[in-house]
Amino acid sequence: QVQLVESGGGLVQAGDSLRLSCEVSGSISSLDGIGWYRLVPRRSRELVARFSILGDPILVDDVRGRFAIFKDNTKNSVDLQMDNLKQEDTAVYYCNRASGQLDPWGRGTQVTVSS
């Protein structure tokens, strides 16, 4: 089982940037399997960023060009760089496996974007 700890969220203004970090510990063969999700009230949790089987970043349309996902094998973390934030990016952000059996969810990190 894998343990996941998210950090880096906060309250920012539209147009600002944030970098989220997902600290991964436990049994996992590759950080390529970790993706970033976000949860907005009254909506399903959405996978917004992950890696392909070749290790290339894949992002959903809403965030492509503004968000980027990175692996840091030295820190065993997967980061989400978020630029040009919009109010609609306001959500709790989580990391977890991008496919297959999910691990227990961490507490997430709240991102709030004001106008």
C-alpha atoms as a PDB file:
ATOM      1  CA  GLN A   1       0.000   0.000   0.000  1.00  0.00           C
ATOM      2  CA  VAL A   2       1.081   3.542  -0.717  1.00  0.00           C
ATOM      3  CA  GLN A   3       0.804   6.562   1.552  1.00  0.00           C
ATOM      4  CA  LEU A   4       0.124   9.933  -0.050  1.00  0.00           C
ATOM      5  CA  VAL A   5       0.546  13.380   1.495  1.00  0.00           C
ATOM      6  CA  GLU A   6      -0.449  16.475  -0.452  1.00  0.00           C
ATOM      7  CA  SER A   7       0.781  19.983   0.288  1.00  0.00           C
ATOM      8  CA  GLY A   8       1.213  23.403  -1.261  1.00  0.00           C
ATOM      9  CA  GLY A   9      -2.333  24.673  -1.561  1.00  0.00           C
ATOM     10  CA  GLY A  10      -3.508  28.098  -0.522  1.00  0.00           C
ATOM     11  CA  LEU A  11      -5.565  31.174  -1.254  1.00  0.00           C
ATOM     12  CA  VAL A  12      -4.422  33.047  -4.332  1.00  0.00           C
ATOM     13  CA  GLN A  13      -5.772  35.523  -6.856  1.00  0.00           C
ATOM     14  CA  ALA A  14      -6.719  34.752 -10.420  1.00  0.00           C
ATOM     15  CA  GLY A  15      -3.599  34.688 -12.566  1.00  0.00           C
ATOM     16  CA  ASP A  16      -1.320  33.572  -9.744  1.00  0.00           C
ATOM     17  CA  SER A  17       0.667  30.327  -9.561  1.00  0.00           C
ATOM     18  CA  LEU A  18       0.945  27.503  -7.060  1.00  0.00           C
ATOM     19  CA  ARG A  19       3.005  24.354  -6.919  1.00  0.00           C
ATOM     20  CA  LEU A  20       1.473  21.352  -5.205  1.00  0.00           C
ATOM     21  CA  SER A  21       3.534  18.461  -3.976  1.00  0.00           C
ATOM     22  CA  CYS A  22       2.546  14.835  -3.430  1.00  0.00           C
ATOM     23  CA  GLU A  23       4.883  12.942  -1.137  1.00  0.00           C
ATOM     24  CA  VAL A  24       4.722   9.227  -1.926  1.00  0.00           C
ATOM     25  CA  SER A  25       5.837   6.510   0.462  1.00  0.00           C
ATOM     26  CA  GLY A  26       5.312   2.785   0.569  1.00  0.00           C
ATOM     27  CA  SER A  27       5.291   0.172  -2.131  1.00  0.00           C
ATOM     28  CA  ILE A  28       5.106   1.636  -5.613  1.00  0.00           C
ATOM     29  CA  SER A  29       7.110   0.584  -8.636  1.00  0.00           C
ATOM     30  CA  SER A  30       7.154   3.941 -10.388  1.00  0.00           C
ATOM     31  CA  LEU A  31       6.004   7.502  -9.791  1.00  0.00           C
ATOM     32  CA  ASP A  32       4.638   7.391 -13.342  1.00  0.00           C
ATOM     33  CA  GLY A  33       1.563   5.742 -11.864  1.00  0.00           C
ATOM     34  CA  ILE A  34       0.626   8.755  -9.731  1.00  0.00           C
ATOM     35  CA  GLY A  35      -1.750  11.432 -10.928  1.00  0.00           C
ATOM     36  CA  TRP A  36      -3.420  14.549  -9.561  1.00  0.00           C
ATOM     37  CA  TYR A  37      -7.157  14.787  -8.964  1.00  0.00           C
ATOM     38  CA  ARG A  38      -9.401  17.596  -7.822  1.00  0.00           C
ATOM     39  CA  LEU A  39     -12.714  17.608  -6.047  1.00  0.00           C
ATOM     40  CA  VAL A  40     -15.285  20.352  -6.260  1.00  0.00           C
ATOM     41  CA  PRO A  41     -18.445  20.215  -4.096  1.00  0.00           C
ATOM     42  CA  ARG A  42     -21.349  18.409  -5.770  1.00  0.00           C
ATOM     43  CA  ARG A  43     -19.089  17.029  -8.491  1.00  0.00           C
ATOM     44  CA  SER A  44     -17.118  13.825  -8.936  1.00  0.00           C
ATOM     45  CA  ARG A  45     -13.416  13.716  -8.265  1.00  0.00           C
ATOM     46  CA  GLU A  46     -11.659  14.515 -11.541  1.00  0.00           C
ATOM     47  CA  LEU A  47      -8.265  13.265 -12.693  1.00  0.00           C
ATOM     48  CA  VAL A  48      -6.592  16.371 -14.140  1.00  0.00           C
ATOM     49  CA  ALA A  49      -2.986  15.336 -14.644  1.00  0.00           C
ATOM     50  CA  ARG A  50      -1.143  12.027 -15.020  1.00  0.00           C
ATOM     51  CA  PHE A  51       1.599  10.336 -16.977  1.00  0.00           C
ATOM     52  CA  SER A  52       1.260   8.105 -20.015  1.00  0.00           C
ATOM     53  CA  ILE A  53       2.754   4.621 -20.020  1.00  0.00           C
ATOM     54  CA  LEU A  54       5.774   6.210 -21.678  1.00  0.00           C
ATOM     55  CA  GLY A  55       6.068   8.780 -18.899  1.00  0.00           C
ATOM     56  CA  ASP A  56       4.739  11.733 -20.891  1.00  0.00           C
ATOM     57  CA  PRO A  57       2.438  14.187 -19.116  1.00  0.00           C
ATOM     58  CA  ILE A  58      -1.275  14.075 -19.912  1.00  0.00           C
ATOM     59  CA  LEU A  59      -3.573  16.884 -18.793  1.00  0.00           C
ATOM     60  CA  VAL A  60      -7.281  17.460 -19.257  1.00  0.00           C
ATOM     61  CA  ASP A  61      -8.419  20.207 -21.602  1.00  0.00           C
ATOM     62  CA  ASP A  62      -9.395  22.597 -18.791  1.00  0.00           C
ATOM     63  CA  VAL A  63      -5.839  22.828 -17.481  1.00  0.00           C
ATOM     64  CA  ARG A  64      -3.662  22.045 -20.493  1.00  0.00           C
ATOM     65  CA  GLY A  65      -1.254  24.896 -21.124  1.00  0.00           C
ATOM     66  CA  ARG A  66      -1.571  26.150 -17.541  1.00  0.00           C
ATOM     67  CA  PHE A  67      -0.725  23.114 -15.393  1.00  0.00           C
ATOM     68  CA  ALA A  68       2.255  20.786 -15.563  1.00  0.00           C
ATOM     69  CA  ILE A  69       3.042  17.551 -13.742  1.00  0.00           C
ATOM     70  CA  PHE A  70       6.541  16.615 -12.642  1.00  0.00           C
ATOM     71  CA  LYS A  71       8.234  13.671 -10.979  1.00  0.00           C
ATOM     72  CA  ASP A  72      11.080  14.032  -8.514  1.00  0.00           C
ATOM     73  CA  ASN A  73      12.594  10.624  -7.921  1.00  0.00           C
ATOM     74  CA  THR A  74      15.074  12.015  -5.384  1.00  0.00           C
ATOM     75  CA  LYS A  75      12.260  13.274  -3.176  1.00  0.00           C
ATOM     76  CA  ASN A  76       9.829  10.526  -4.184  1.00  0.00           C
ATOM     77  CA  SER A  77       7.249  13.134  -5.028  1.00  0.00           C
ATOM     78  CA  VAL A  78       4.966  14.151  -7.866  1.00  0.00           C
ATOM     79  CA  ASP A  79       4.391  17.889  -8.206  1.00  0.00           C
ATOM     80  CA  LEU A  80       1.657  19.836  -9.933  1.00  0.00           C
ATOM     81  CA  GLN A  81       2.715  23.270 -11.158  1.00  0.00           C
ATOM     82  CA  MET A  82      -0.329  25.467 -11.659  1.00  0.00           C
ATOM     83  CA  ASP A  83       0.026  28.755 -13.521  1.00  0.00           C
ATOM     84  CA  ASN A  84      -2.508  31.374 -14.559  1.00  0.00           C
ATOM     85  CA  LEU A  85      -4.982  30.045 -12.041  1.00  0.00           C
ATOM     86  CA  LYS A  86      -8.687  30.668 -12.577  1.00  0.00           C
ATOM     87  CA  GLN A  87     -11.584  30.767 -10.140  1.00  0.00           C
ATOM     88  CA  GLU A  88     -12.856  27.495 -11.602  1.00  0.00           C
ATOM     89  CA  ASP A  89      -9.631  25.815 -10.437  1.00  0.00           C
ATOM     90  CA  THR A  90     -10.837  26.203  -6.858  1.00  0.00           C
ATOM     91  CA  ALA A  91     -10.987  22.695  -5.422  1.00  0.00           C
ATOM     92  CA  VAL A  92      -9.370  20.256  -3.037  1.00  0.00           C
ATOM     93  CA  TYR A  93      -6.489  18.611  -4.866  1.00  0.00           C
ATOM     94  CA  TYR A  94      -5.466  15.020  -4.216  1.00  0.00           C
ATOM     95  CA  CYS A  95      -2.925  12.630  -5.617  1.00  0.00           C
ATOM     96  CA  ASN A  96      -3.402   8.915  -6.091  1.00  0.00           C
ATOM     97  CA  ARG A  97      -2.794   6.185  -8.626  1.00  0.00           C
ATOM     98  CA  ALA A  98      -4.061   7.256 -12.028  1.00  0.00           C
ATOM     99  CA  SER A  99      -5.352   3.783 -12.853  1.00  0.00           C
ATOM    100  CA  GLY A 100      -6.081   0.468 -11.229  1.00  0.00           C
ATOM    101  CA  GLN A 101      -6.773  -0.015  -7.558  1.00  0.00           C
ATOM    102  CA  LEU A 102      -6.622   3.288  -5.723  1.00  0.00           C
ATOM    103  CA  ASP A 103      -4.733   3.693  -2.475  1.00  0.00           C
ATOM    104  CA  PRO A 104      -6.349   5.360   0.550  1.00  0.00           C
ATOM    105  CA  TRP A 105      -6.908   9.021  -0.158  1.00  0.00           C
ATOM    106  CA  GLY A 106      -4.803  11.586   1.645  1.00  0.00           C
ATOM    107  CA  ARG A 107      -6.257  14.714   3.208  1.00  0.00           C
ATOM    108  CA  GLY A 108      -5.759  16.695   0.031  1.00  0.00           C
ATOM    109  CA  THR A 109      -4.746  20.325  -0.209  1.00  0.00           C
ATOM    110  CA  GLN A 110      -7.203  23.173  -0.690  1.00  0.00           C
ATOM    111  CA  VAL A 111      -6.686  25.581  -3.558  1.00  0.00           C
ATOM    112  CA  THR A 112      -8.862  28.673  -3.535  1.00  0.00           C
ATOM    113  CA  VAL A 113      -8.652  31.191  -6.359  1.00  0.00           C
ATOM    114  CA  SER A 114     -10.284  34.560  -5.859  1.00  0.00           C
ATOM    115  CA  SER A 115     -11.162  37.050  -8.552  1.00  0.00           C
END
